[in-house]
Amino acid sequence: MLPSAPPGASKWIADPAGTAPDRAVGSAPSHYLAVGPEGGWSDHELSLSRAAGWHAVSLGTRILRIETACLALAAILSQEM
């Protein structure tokens, strides 16, 4: 699923070890967001996502429930556009 996002798209994958979201997303033609399963992404999944051009972004110091993480990631993206 993760490798299927088109080249040039803004691709964020939520990961507590990630960095702050990129402020240059407004120039991307499309945006893709990925939130992992309960327990988080495996190291292998994160490695595959990086190889496919996904940028690991942190949503802060607290681990959010999936339902909350989706909304938080979408809200951050809307503020950056």
N, C-alpha and C. Protein backbone atom coordinates (compact mmCIF):
# COMPACT_ATOMS: atom_id res chain seq x y z
N MET A 1 0.82 -1.19 0.00
CA MET A 1 0.00 0.00 0.00
C MET A 1 0.86 1.25 0.00
N LEU A 2 1.85 1.34 0.87
CA LEU A 2 2.65 2.55 0.96
C LEU A 2 3.40 2.88 -0.33
N PRO A 3 3.98 1.91 -1.02
CA PRO A 3 4.71 2.26 -2.23
C PRO A 3 3.82 2.77 -3.37
N SER A 4 2.50 2.64 -3.26
CA SER A 4 1.62 2.99 -4.37
C SER A 4 1.34 4.49 -4.50
N ALA A 5 1.78 5.32 -3.57
CA ALA A 5 1.57 6.76 -3.67
C ALA A 5 2.43 7.29 -4.82
N PRO A 6 1.88 8.22 -5.61
CA PRO A 6 2.62 8.70 -6.79
C PRO A 6 3.85 9.53 -6.44
N PRO A 7 4.83 9.53 -7.34
CA PRO A 7 6.01 10.37 -7.13
C PRO A 7 5.59 11.85 -7.07
N GLY A 8 6.27 12.62 -6.27
CA GLY A 8 5.96 14.04 -6.15
C GLY A 8 4.92 14.36 -5.11
N ALA A 9 4.22 13.34 -4.63
CA ALA A 9 3.21 13.55 -3.60
C ALA A 9 3.88 13.75 -2.25
N SER A 10 3.21 14.47 -1.39
CA SER A 10 3.64 14.60 0.00
C SER A 10 3.21 13.32 0.71
N LYS A 11 4.15 12.59 1.30
CA LYS A 11 3.84 11.30 1.92
C LYS A 11 4.35 11.30 3.36
N TRP A 12 3.42 11.31 4.31
CA TRP A 12 3.76 11.31 5.73
C TRP A 12 3.31 10.00 6.36
N ILE A 13 4.19 9.42 7.16
CA ILE A 13 3.83 8.24 7.94
C ILE A 13 4.07 8.59 9.41
N ALA A 14 3.05 8.43 10.23
CA ALA A 14 3.15 8.78 11.65
C ALA A 14 4.05 7.78 12.37
N ASP A 15 5.06 8.33 13.06
CA ASP A 15 6.00 7.50 13.81
C ASP A 15 6.54 8.34 14.96
N PRO A 16 6.43 7.86 16.21
CA PRO A 16 6.91 8.65 17.35
C PRO A 16 8.39 9.04 17.23
N ALA A 17 9.18 8.29 16.51
CA ALA A 17 10.60 8.61 16.34
C ALA A 17 10.84 9.53 15.14
N GLY A 18 9.78 9.96 14.48
CA GLY A 18 9.92 10.81 13.31
C GLY A 18 10.29 12.24 13.68
N THR A 19 10.35 13.08 12.68
CA THR A 19 10.70 14.49 12.87
C THR A 19 9.44 15.36 12.75
N ALA A 20 9.62 16.65 12.93
CA ALA A 20 8.50 17.57 12.77
C ALA A 20 8.01 17.52 11.33
N PRO A 21 6.71 17.70 11.12
CA PRO A 21 6.17 17.69 9.76
C PRO A 21 6.83 18.75 8.88
N ASP A 22 7.00 18.43 7.61
CA ASP A 22 7.61 19.31 6.63
C ASP A 22 6.68 20.46 6.28
N ARG A 23 7.17 21.66 6.34
CA ARG A 23 6.35 22.83 6.06
C ARG A 23 6.22 23.13 4.57
N ALA A 24 6.84 22.34 3.72
CA ALA A 24 6.79 22.60 2.28
C ALA A 24 5.76 21.73 1.56
N VAL A 25 4.77 21.24 2.28
CA VAL A 25 3.80 20.33 1.66
C VAL A 25 2.84 21.03 0.70
N GLY A 26 2.67 22.33 0.85
CA GLY A 26 1.72 23.04 0.01
C GLY A 26 2.02 22.96 -1.47
N SER A 27 3.30 22.75 -1.83
CA SER A 27 3.67 22.70 -3.23
C SER A 27 3.45 21.32 -3.85
N ALA A 28 3.15 20.31 -3.05
CA ALA A 28 2.94 18.96 -3.56
C ALA A 28 1.57 18.88 -4.26
N PRO A 29 1.48 18.12 -5.35
CA PRO A 29 0.21 18.00 -6.06
C PRO A 29 -0.84 17.17 -5.32
N SER A 30 -0.39 16.28 -4.44
CA SER A 30 -1.31 15.46 -3.66
C SER A 30 -0.64 15.09 -2.34
N HIS A 31 -1.45 14.62 -1.40
CA HIS A 31 -0.96 14.34 -0.06
C HIS A 31 -1.47 12.98 0.41
N TYR A 32 -0.57 12.20 0.98
CA TYR A 32 -0.92 10.89 1.50
C TYR A 32 -0.46 10.81 2.95
N LEU A 33 -1.32 10.27 3.81
CA LEU A 33 -1.03 10.15 5.23
C LEU A 33 -1.21 8.69 5.64
N ALA A 34 -0.33 8.20 6.50
CA ALA A 34 -0.44 6.82 6.98
C ALA A 34 -0.28 6.80 8.49
N VAL A 35 -1.23 6.14 9.14
CA VAL A 35 -1.20 5.95 10.59
C VAL A 35 -1.16 4.45 10.82
N GLY A 36 -0.24 4.01 11.67
CA GLY A 36 -0.02 2.59 11.87
C GLY A 36 -1.06 1.90 12.74
N PRO A 37 -0.91 0.61 12.86
CA PRO A 37 -1.79 -0.19 13.69
C PRO A 37 -1.47 0.02 15.17
N GLU A 38 -2.34 -0.47 16.04
CA GLU A 38 -2.03 -0.42 17.47
C GLU A 38 -0.72 -1.15 17.68
N GLY A 39 0.13 -0.57 18.50
CA GLY A 39 1.45 -1.14 18.72
C GLY A 39 2.50 -0.54 17.80
N GLY A 40 2.07 0.22 16.81
CA GLY A 40 2.99 0.91 15.92
C GLY A 40 3.46 0.08 14.74
N TRP A 41 4.22 0.76 13.89
CA TRP A 41 4.79 0.12 12.71
C TRP A 41 5.97 -0.76 13.12
N SER A 42 6.19 -1.83 12.39
CA SER A 42 7.38 -2.65 12.63
C SER A 42 8.58 -1.95 12.00
N ASP A 43 9.77 -2.32 12.41
CA ASP A 43 10.98 -1.75 11.83
C ASP A 43 11.03 -2.01 10.33
N HIS A 44 10.58 -3.19 9.94
CA HIS A 44 10.57 -3.55 8.51
C HIS A 44 9.61 -2.64 7.73
N GLU A 45 8.43 -2.40 8.28
CA GLU A 45 7.46 -1.52 7.61
C GLU A 45 8.01 -0.09 7.48
N LEU A 46 8.65 0.40 8.53
CA LEU A 46 9.24 1.75 8.47
C LEU A 46 10.37 1.81 7.45
N SER A 47 11.16 0.75 7.37
CA SER A 47 12.24 0.70 6.38
C SER A 47 11.67 0.72 4.96
N LEU A 48 10.62 -0.05 4.72
CA LEU A 48 9.98 -0.06 3.41
C LEU A 48 9.39 1.30 3.07
N SER A 49 8.80 1.95 4.07
CA SER A 49 8.19 3.26 3.81
C SER A 49 9.26 4.29 3.44
N ARG A 50 10.38 4.27 4.14
CA ARG A 50 11.48 5.20 3.81
C ARG A 50 11.99 4.94 2.39
N ALA A 51 12.13 3.68 2.03
CA ALA A 51 12.60 3.33 0.68
C ALA A 51 11.61 3.80 -0.39
N ALA A 52 10.33 3.91 -0.03
CA ALA A 52 9.30 4.35 -0.98
C ALA A 52 9.09 5.86 -0.93
N GLY A 53 9.92 6.57 -0.17
CA GLY A 53 9.84 8.03 -0.15
C GLY A 53 8.93 8.64 0.89
N TRP A 54 8.51 7.86 1.87
CA TRP A 54 7.65 8.39 2.93
C TRP A 54 8.51 9.09 3.98
N HIS A 55 7.99 10.17 4.54
CA HIS A 55 8.68 10.94 5.57
C HIS A 55 8.02 10.63 6.92
N ALA A 56 8.78 10.10 7.86
CA ALA A 56 8.26 9.78 9.19
C ALA A 56 8.08 11.08 9.97
N VAL A 57 6.86 11.33 10.43
CA VAL A 57 6.57 12.55 11.19
C VAL A 57 6.08 12.17 12.59
N SER A 58 6.50 12.96 13.55
CA SER A 58 6.09 12.76 14.93
C SER A 58 4.86 13.60 15.23
N LEU A 59 3.96 13.05 16.01
CA LEU A 59 2.77 13.77 16.45
C LEU A 59 2.92 14.23 17.89
N GLY A 60 4.13 14.24 18.40
CA GLY A 60 4.37 14.69 19.76
C GLY A 60 4.88 13.57 20.64
N THR A 61 5.00 13.87 21.92
CA THR A 61 5.59 12.92 22.86
C THR A 61 4.63 11.84 23.32
N ARG A 62 3.36 12.05 23.16
CA ARG A 62 2.38 11.05 23.60
C ARG A 62 1.99 10.12 22.45
N ILE A 63 1.72 8.88 22.77
CA ILE A 63 1.24 7.92 21.78
C ILE A 63 -0.28 8.07 21.71
N LEU A 64 -0.77 8.38 20.52
CA LEU A 64 -2.21 8.60 20.33
C LEU A 64 -2.90 7.33 19.86
N ARG A 65 -4.18 7.24 20.18
CA ARG A 65 -5.00 6.16 19.63
C ARG A 65 -5.11 6.38 18.12
N ILE A 66 -5.36 5.32 17.38
CA ILE A 66 -5.44 5.41 15.93
C ILE A 66 -6.44 6.47 15.49
N GLU A 67 -7.61 6.47 16.11
CA GLU A 67 -8.66 7.41 15.74
C GLU A 67 -8.22 8.85 15.93
N THR A 68 -7.49 9.11 17.00
CA THR A 68 -7.01 10.46 17.30
C THR A 68 -5.83 10.82 16.40
N ALA A 69 -4.94 9.89 16.16
CA ALA A 69 -3.77 10.14 15.33
C ALA A 69 -4.17 10.54 13.91
N CYS A 70 -5.19 9.90 13.36
CA CYS A 70 -5.67 10.24 12.02
C CYS A 70 -6.11 11.70 11.96
N LEU A 71 -6.90 12.10 12.92
CA LEU A 71 -7.40 13.48 12.95
C LEU A 71 -6.27 14.47 13.19
N ALA A 72 -5.34 14.14 14.08
CA ALA A 72 -4.22 15.03 14.36
C ALA A 72 -3.35 15.21 13.12
N LEU A 73 -3.06 14.14 12.42
CA LEU A 73 -2.23 14.22 11.24
C LEU A 73 -2.92 15.05 10.14
N ALA A 74 -4.21 14.85 9.96
CA ALA A 74 -4.95 15.62 8.97
C ALA A 74 -5.00 17.10 9.35
N ALA A 75 -5.16 17.39 10.63
CA ALA A 75 -5.20 18.79 11.08
C ALA A 75 -3.85 19.47 10.87
N ILE A 76 -2.77 18.77 11.17
CA ILE A 76 -1.43 19.33 10.96
C ILE A 76 -1.21 19.61 9.47
N LEU A 77 -1.60 18.67 8.62
CA LEU A 77 -1.46 18.87 7.18
C LEU A 77 -2.24 20.09 6.71
N SER A 78 -3.48 20.23 7.18
CA SER A 78 -4.30 21.37 6.74
C SER A 78 -3.71 22.70 7.17
N GLN A 79 -3.01 22.73 8.30
CA GLN A 79 -2.37 23.96 8.76
C GLN A 79 -1.11 24.30 7.97
N GLU A 80 -0.47 23.27 7.40
CA GLU A 80 0.76 23.47 6.67
C GLU A 80 0.52 23.84 5.21
N MET A 81 -0.68 23.66 4.72
CA MET A 81 -0.98 23.93 3.31
C MET A 81 -1.28 25.40 3.09
